[in-house]
Amino acid sequence: MNKNSRTEAGVGEGVRLSEGSTEAAVRRVRSDMLLGPGGVLIIEHAGREYCLRQTSTGKLILTA
């Protein structure tokens, strides 16, 4: 795929890159693709678990 393409192959329909960036530098993912139907994502980072969830008002909250 050429470097001017906005959607990179193999990373999913909702992943988009900003102009001039590369996949290794910046990725853009729609929150609904991360959170799924339950609205919650558990992230493992440096041996800890974090919970990213969507509130009833549509905001995102990240807690340890």
PDB file of N, CA and C in Angstrom:
ATOM      1  N   MET A   1       0.844  -1.175   0.000  1.00  0.00           N
ATOM      2  CA  MET A   1       0.000   0.000   0.000  1.00  0.00           C
ATOM      3  C   MET A   1       0.887   1.235   0.000  1.00  0.00           C
ATOM      4  N   ASN A   2       0.514   2.262  -0.745  1.00  0.00           N
ATOM      5  CA  ASN A   2       1.385   3.430  -0.823  1.00  0.00           C
ATOM      6  C   ASN A   2       1.297   4.281   0.445  1.00  0.00           C
ATOM      7  N   LYS A   3       2.306   5.113   0.679  1.00  0.00           N
ATOM      8  CA  LYS A   3       2.389   5.861   1.935  1.00  0.00           C
ATOM      9  C   LYS A   3       1.372   6.987   2.025  1.00  0.00           C
ATOM     10  N   ASN A   4       0.680   7.303   0.946  1.00  0.00           N
ATOM     11  CA  ASN A   4      -0.350   8.330   0.976  1.00  0.00           C
ATOM     12  C   ASN A   4      -1.714   7.784   1.367  1.00  0.00           C
ATOM     13  N   SER A   5      -1.812   6.477   1.516  1.00  0.00           N
ATOM     14  CA  SER A   5      -3.083   5.867   1.870  1.00  0.00           C
ATOM     15  C   SER A   5      -3.470   6.213   3.300  1.00  0.00           C
ATOM     16  N   ARG A   6      -4.739   6.499   3.534  1.00  0.00           N
ATOM     17  CA  ARG A   6      -5.212   6.868   4.872  1.00  0.00           C
ATOM     18  C   ARG A   6      -5.476   5.646   5.749  1.00  0.00           C
ATOM     19  N   THR A   7      -5.856   4.509   5.182  1.00  0.00           N
ATOM     20  CA  THR A   7      -6.110   3.306   5.969  1.00  0.00           C
ATOM     21  C   THR A   7      -5.041   2.285   5.641  1.00  0.00           C
ATOM     22  N   GLU A   8      -4.330   1.779   6.647  1.00  0.00           N
ATOM     23  CA  GLU A   8      -3.264   0.814   6.426  1.00  0.00           C
ATOM     24  C   GLU A   8      -3.836  -0.600   6.360  1.00  0.00           C
ATOM     25  N   ALA A   9      -3.307  -1.420   5.479  1.00  0.00           N
ATOM     26  CA  ALA A   9      -3.753  -2.802   5.331  1.00  0.00           C
ATOM     27  C   ALA A   9      -3.376  -3.608   6.556  1.00  0.00           C
ATOM     28  N   GLY A  10      -4.284  -4.485   6.957  1.00  0.00           N
ATOM     29  CA  GLY A  10      -3.977  -5.420   8.025  1.00  0.00           C
ATOM     30  C   GLY A  10      -4.152  -4.901   9.434  1.00  0.00           C
ATOM     31  N   VAL A  11      -4.533  -3.656   9.631  1.00  0.00           N
ATOM     32  CA  VAL A  11      -4.696  -3.147  10.982  1.00  0.00           C
ATOM     33  C   VAL A  11      -6.148  -2.863  11.344  1.00  0.00           C
ATOM     34  N   GLY A  12      -7.065  -3.174  10.490  1.00  0.00           N
ATOM     35  CA  GLY A  12      -8.477  -3.029  10.820  1.00  0.00           C
ATOM     36  C   GLY A  12      -9.097  -1.810  10.174  1.00  0.00           C
ATOM     37  N   GLU A  13     -10.386  -1.910   9.957  1.00  0.00           N
ATOM     38  CA  GLU A  13     -11.119  -0.872   9.249  1.00  0.00           C
ATOM     39  C   GLU A  13     -11.092   0.466   9.975  1.00  0.00           C
ATOM     40  N   GLY A  14     -11.111   0.477  11.314  1.00  0.00           N
ATOM     41  CA  GLY A  14     -11.202   1.719  12.058  1.00  0.00           C
ATOM     42  C   GLY A  14      -9.872   2.378  12.359  1.00  0.00           C
ATOM     43  N   VAL A  15      -8.770   1.768  11.965  1.00  0.00           N
ATOM     44  CA  VAL A  15      -7.457   2.336  12.264  1.00  0.00           C
ATOM     45  C   VAL A  15      -7.055   3.263  11.134  1.00  0.00           C
ATOM     46  N   ARG A  16      -6.830   4.528  11.476  1.00  0.00           N
ATOM     47  CA  ARG A  16      -6.452   5.518  10.475  1.00  0.00           C
ATOM     48  C   ARG A  16      -5.205   6.252  10.934  1.00  0.00           C
ATOM     49  N   LEU A  17      -4.478   6.746   9.969  1.00  0.00           N
ATOM     50  CA  LEU A  17      -3.242   7.471  10.261  1.00  0.00           C
ATOM     51  C   LEU A  17      -3.410   8.935   9.882  1.00  0.00           C
ATOM     52  N   SER A  18      -2.770   9.814  10.620  1.00  0.00           N
ATOM     53  CA  SER A  18      -2.795  11.221  10.258  1.00  0.00           C
ATOM     54  C   SER A  18      -1.856  11.449   9.070  1.00  0.00           C
ATOM     55  N   GLU A  19      -2.041  12.543   8.391  1.00  0.00           N
ATOM     56  CA  GLU A  19      -1.234  12.838   7.208  1.00  0.00           C
ATOM     57  C   GLU A  19       0.256  12.796   7.532  1.00  0.00           C
ATOM     58  N   GLY A  20       1.021  12.077   6.738  1.00  0.00           N
ATOM     59  CA  GLY A  20       2.464  12.047   6.866  1.00  0.00           C
ATOM     60  C   GLY A  20       3.003  11.140   7.958  1.00  0.00           C
ATOM     61  N   SER A  21       2.128  10.479   8.730  1.00  0.00           N
ATOM     62  CA  SER A  21       2.627   9.603   9.792  1.00  0.00           C
ATOM     63  C   SER A  21       2.766   8.179   9.269  1.00  0.00           C
ATOM     64  N   THR A  22       3.416   7.339  10.048  1.00  0.00           N
ATOM     65  CA  THR A  22       3.553   5.941   9.692  1.00  0.00           C
ATOM     66  C   THR A  22       2.862   5.099  10.750  1.00  0.00           C
ATOM     67  N   GLU A  23       2.579   3.854  10.428  1.00  0.00           N
ATOM     68  CA  GLU A  23       1.900   2.958  11.367  1.00  0.00           C
ATOM     69  C   GLU A  23       2.679   2.830  12.665  1.00  0.00           C
ATOM     70  N   ALA A  24       4.005   2.812  12.588  1.00  0.00           N
ATOM     71  CA  ALA A  24       4.827   2.658  13.784  1.00  0.00           C
ATOM     72  C   ALA A  24       4.757   3.892  14.669  1.00  0.00           C
ATOM     73  N   ALA A  25       4.462   5.054  14.115  1.00  0.00           N
ATOM     74  CA  ALA A  25       4.477   6.293  14.887  1.00  0.00           C
ATOM     75  C   ALA A  25       3.138   6.569  15.572  1.00  0.00           C
ATOM     76  N   VAL A  26       2.047   6.595  14.835  1.00  0.00           N
ATOM     77  CA  VAL A  26       0.746   6.983  15.376  1.00  0.00           C
ATOM     78  C   VAL A  26      -0.336   6.110  14.769  1.00  0.00           C
ATOM     79  N   ARG A  27      -1.217   5.612  15.642  1.00  0.00           N
ATOM     80  CA  ARG A  27      -2.375   4.873  15.144  1.00  0.00           C
ATOM     81  C   ARG A  27      -3.637   5.522  15.690  1.00  0.00           C
ATOM     82  N   ARG A  28      -4.685   5.529  14.913  1.00  0.00           N
ATOM     83  CA  ARG A  28      -5.981   6.061  15.336  1.00  0.00           C
ATOM     84  C   ARG A  28      -6.988   4.916  15.270  1.00  0.00           C
ATOM     85  N   VAL A  29      -7.673   4.685  16.384  1.00  0.00           N
ATOM     86  CA  VAL A  29      -8.628   3.593  16.478  1.00  0.00           C
ATOM     87  C   VAL A  29      -9.924   4.133  17.065  1.00  0.00           C
ATOM     88  N   ARG A  30     -11.042   3.795  16.466  1.00  0.00           N
ATOM     89  CA  ARG A  30     -12.339   4.194  17.016  1.00  0.00           C
ATOM     90  C   ARG A  30     -12.562   3.517  18.361  1.00  0.00           C
ATOM     91  N   SER A  31     -13.070   4.241  19.317  1.00  0.00           N
ATOM     92  CA  SER A  31     -13.264   3.698  20.665  1.00  0.00           C
ATOM     93  C   SER A  31     -14.210   2.503  20.674  1.00  0.00           C
ATOM     94  N   ASP A  32     -15.226   2.509  19.838  1.00  0.00           N
ATOM     95  CA  ASP A  32     -16.155   1.371  19.827  1.00  0.00           C
ATOM     96  C   ASP A  32     -15.472   0.085  19.370  1.00  0.00           C
ATOM     97  N   MET A  33     -14.435   0.208  18.556  1.00  0.00           N
ATOM     98  CA  MET A  33     -13.698  -0.988  18.135  1.00  0.00           C
ATOM     99  C   MET A  33     -12.844  -1.520  19.288  1.00  0.00           C
ATOM    100  N   LEU A  34     -12.315  -0.639  20.131  1.00  0.00           N
ATOM    101  CA  LEU A  34     -11.527  -1.065  21.282  1.00  0.00           C
ATOM    102  C   LEU A  34     -12.404  -1.613  22.400  1.00  0.00           C
ATOM    103  N   LEU A  35     -13.470  -0.906  22.719  1.00  0.00           N
ATOM    104  CA  LEU A  35     -14.283  -1.232  23.880  1.00  0.00           C
ATOM    105  C   LEU A  35     -15.268  -2.371  23.646  1.00  0.00           C
ATOM    106  N   GLY A  36     -15.652  -2.590  22.410  1.00  0.00           N
ATOM    107  CA  GLY A  36     -16.596  -3.656  22.109  1.00  0.00           C
ATOM    108  C   GLY A  36     -17.985  -3.340  22.643  1.00  0.00           C
ATOM    109  N   PRO A  37     -18.902  -4.294  22.548  1.00  0.00           N
ATOM    110  CA  PRO A  37     -20.289  -4.054  22.934  1.00  0.00           C
ATOM    111  C   PRO A  37     -20.469  -3.791  24.432  1.00  0.00           C
ATOM    112  N   GLY A  38     -19.558  -4.275  25.259  1.00  0.00           N
ATOM    113  CA  GLY A  38     -19.665  -4.058  26.704  1.00  0.00           C
ATOM    114  C   GLY A  38     -19.158  -2.715  27.167  1.00  0.00           C
ATOM    115  N   GLY A  39     -18.444  -1.987  26.301  1.00  0.00           N
ATOM    116  CA  GLY A  39     -17.943  -0.675  26.643  1.00  0.00           C
ATOM    117  C   GLY A  39     -16.761  -0.676  27.608  1.00  0.00           C
ATOM    118  N   VAL A  40     -16.027  -1.802  27.685  1.00  0.00           N
ATOM    119  CA  VAL A  40     -14.906  -1.919  28.624  1.00  0.00           C
ATOM    120  C   VAL A  40     -13.727  -2.597  27.939  1.00  0.00           C
ATOM    121  N   LEU A  41     -12.514  -2.095  28.236  1.00  0.00           N
ATOM    122  CA  LEU A  41     -11.285  -2.700  27.733  1.00  0.00           C
ATOM    123  C   LEU A  41     -10.293  -2.787  28.884  1.00  0.00           C
ATOM    124  N   ILE A  42      -9.710  -3.963  29.106  1.00  0.00           N
ATOM    125  CA  ILE A  42      -8.653  -4.128  30.096  1.00  0.00           C
ATOM    126  C   ILE A  42      -7.322  -4.027  29.358  1.00  0.00           C
ATOM    127  N   ILE A  43      -6.447  -3.124  29.825  1.00  0.00           N
ATOM    128  CA  ILE A  43      -5.139  -2.899  29.215  1.00  0.00           C
ATOM    129  C   ILE A  43      -4.071  -3.367  30.191  1.00  0.00           C
ATOM    130  N   GLU A  44      -3.172  -4.238  29.731  1.00  0.00           N
ATOM    131  CA  GLU A  44      -2.030  -4.660  30.547  1.00  0.00           C
ATOM    132  C   GLU A  44      -0.842  -3.795  30.159  1.00  0.00           C
ATOM    133  N   HIS A  45      -0.223  -3.150  31.171  1.00  0.00           N
ATOM    134  CA  HIS A  45       0.915  -2.270  30.919  1.00  0.00           C
ATOM    135  C   HIS A  45       1.867  -2.338  32.100  1.00  0.00           C
ATOM    136  N   ALA A  46       3.109  -2.680  31.832  1.00  0.00           N
ATOM    137  CA  ALA A  46       4.163  -2.720  32.853  1.00  0.00           C
ATOM    138  C   ALA A  46       3.744  -3.532  34.075  1.00  0.00           C
ATOM    139  N   GLY A  47       3.104  -4.672  33.812  1.00  0.00           N
ATOM    140  CA  GLY A  47       2.729  -5.571  34.890  1.00  0.00           C
ATOM    141  C   GLY A  47       1.470  -5.184  35.647  1.00  0.00           C
ATOM    142  N   ARG A  48       0.786  -4.135  35.214  1.00  0.00           N
ATOM    143  CA  ARG A  48      -0.454  -3.702  35.868  1.00  0.00           C
ATOM    144  C   ARG A  48      -1.606  -3.771  34.888  1.00  0.00           C
ATOM    145  N   GLU A  49      -2.814  -3.851  35.422  1.00  0.00           N
ATOM    146  CA  GLU A  49      -4.018  -3.824  34.603  1.00  0.00           C
ATOM    147  C   GLU A  49      -4.722  -2.489  34.775  1.00  0.00           C
ATOM    148  N   TYR A  50      -5.162  -1.932  33.658  1.00  0.00           N
ATOM    149  CA  TYR A  50      -5.921  -0.695  33.642  1.00  0.00           C
ATOM    150  C   TYR A  50      -7.253  -0.974  32.961  1.00  0.00           C
ATOM    151  N   CYS A  51      -8.281  -0.285  33.393  1.00  0.00           N
ATOM    152  CA  CYS A  51      -9.608  -0.461  32.820  1.00  0.00           C
ATOM    153  C   CYS A  51     -10.008   0.827  32.098  1.00  0.00           C
ATOM    154  N   LEU A  52     -10.256   0.716  30.804  1.00  0.00           N
ATOM    155  CA  LEU A  52     -10.765   1.824  30.011  1.00  0.00           C
ATOM    156  C   LEU A  52     -12.238   1.538  29.771  1.00  0.00           C
ATOM    157  N   ARG A  53     -13.103   2.460  30.204  1.00  0.00           N
ATOM    158  CA  ARG A  53     -14.533   2.231  30.017  1.00  0.00           C
ATOM    159  C   ARG A  53     -15.226   3.506  29.574  1.00  0.00           C
ATOM    160  N   GLN A  54     -16.370   3.312  28.968  1.00  0.00           N
ATOM    161  CA  GLN A  54     -17.177   4.437  28.529  1.00  0.00           C
ATOM    162  C   GLN A  54     -18.264   4.675  29.568  1.00  0.00           C
ATOM    163  N   THR A  55     -18.432   5.928  29.981  1.00  0.00           N
ATOM    164  CA  THR A  55     -19.447   6.272  30.968  1.00  0.00           C
ATOM    165  C   THR A  55     -20.813   6.362  30.293  1.00  0.00           C
ATOM    166  N   SER A  56     -21.843   6.500  31.110  1.00  0.00           N
ATOM    167  CA  SER A  56     -23.207   6.616  30.569  1.00  0.00           C
ATOM    168  C   SER A  56     -23.397   7.900  29.767  1.00  0.00           C
ATOM    169  N   THR A  57     -22.506   8.879  29.979  1.00  0.00           N
ATOM    170  CA  THR A  57     -22.584  10.134  29.202  1.00  0.00           C
ATOM    171  C   THR A  57     -21.678  10.111  27.977  1.00  0.00           C
ATOM    172  N   GLY A  58     -20.990   8.976  27.731  1.00  0.00           N
ATOM    173  CA  GLY A  58     -20.173   8.828  26.536  1.00  0.00           C
ATOM    174  C   GLY A  58     -18.725   9.222  26.688  1.00  0.00           C
ATOM    175  N   LYS A  59     -18.308   9.615  27.889  1.00  0.00           N
ATOM    176  CA  LYS A  59     -16.901   9.959  28.107  1.00  0.00           C
ATOM    177  C   LYS A  59     -16.102   8.705  28.414  1.00  0.00           C
ATOM    178  N   LEU A  60     -14.767   8.792  28.252  1.00  0.00           N
ATOM    179  CA  LEU A  60     -13.887   7.661  28.557  1.00  0.00           C
ATOM    180  C   LEU A  60     -13.185   7.882  29.883  1.00  0.00           C
ATOM    181  N   ILE A  61     -13.107   6.816  30.678  1.00  0.00           N
ATOM    182  CA  ILE A  61     -12.433   6.852  31.976  1.00  0.00           C
ATOM    183  C   ILE A  61     -11.385   5.734  31.988  1.00  0.00           C
ATOM    184  N   LEU A  62     -10.145   6.078  32.377  1.00  0.00           N
ATOM    185  CA  LEU A  62      -9.075   5.078  32.531  1.00  0.00           C
ATOM    186  C   LEU A  62      -8.728   5.001  34.009  1.00  0.00           C
ATOM    187  N   THR A  63      -8.857   3.792  34.588  1.00  0.00           N
ATOM    188  CA  THR A  63      -8.555   3.594  35.996  1.00  0.00           C
ATOM    189  C   THR A  63      -7.571   2.448  36.155  1.00  0.00           C
ATOM    190  N   ALA A  64      -6.800   2.493  37.251  1.00  0.00           N
ATOM    191  CA  ALA A  64      -5.831   1.445  37.551  1.00  0.00           C
ATOM    192  C   ALA A  64      -6.444   0.425  38.486  1.00  0.00           C
TER     193      ALA A  64
END
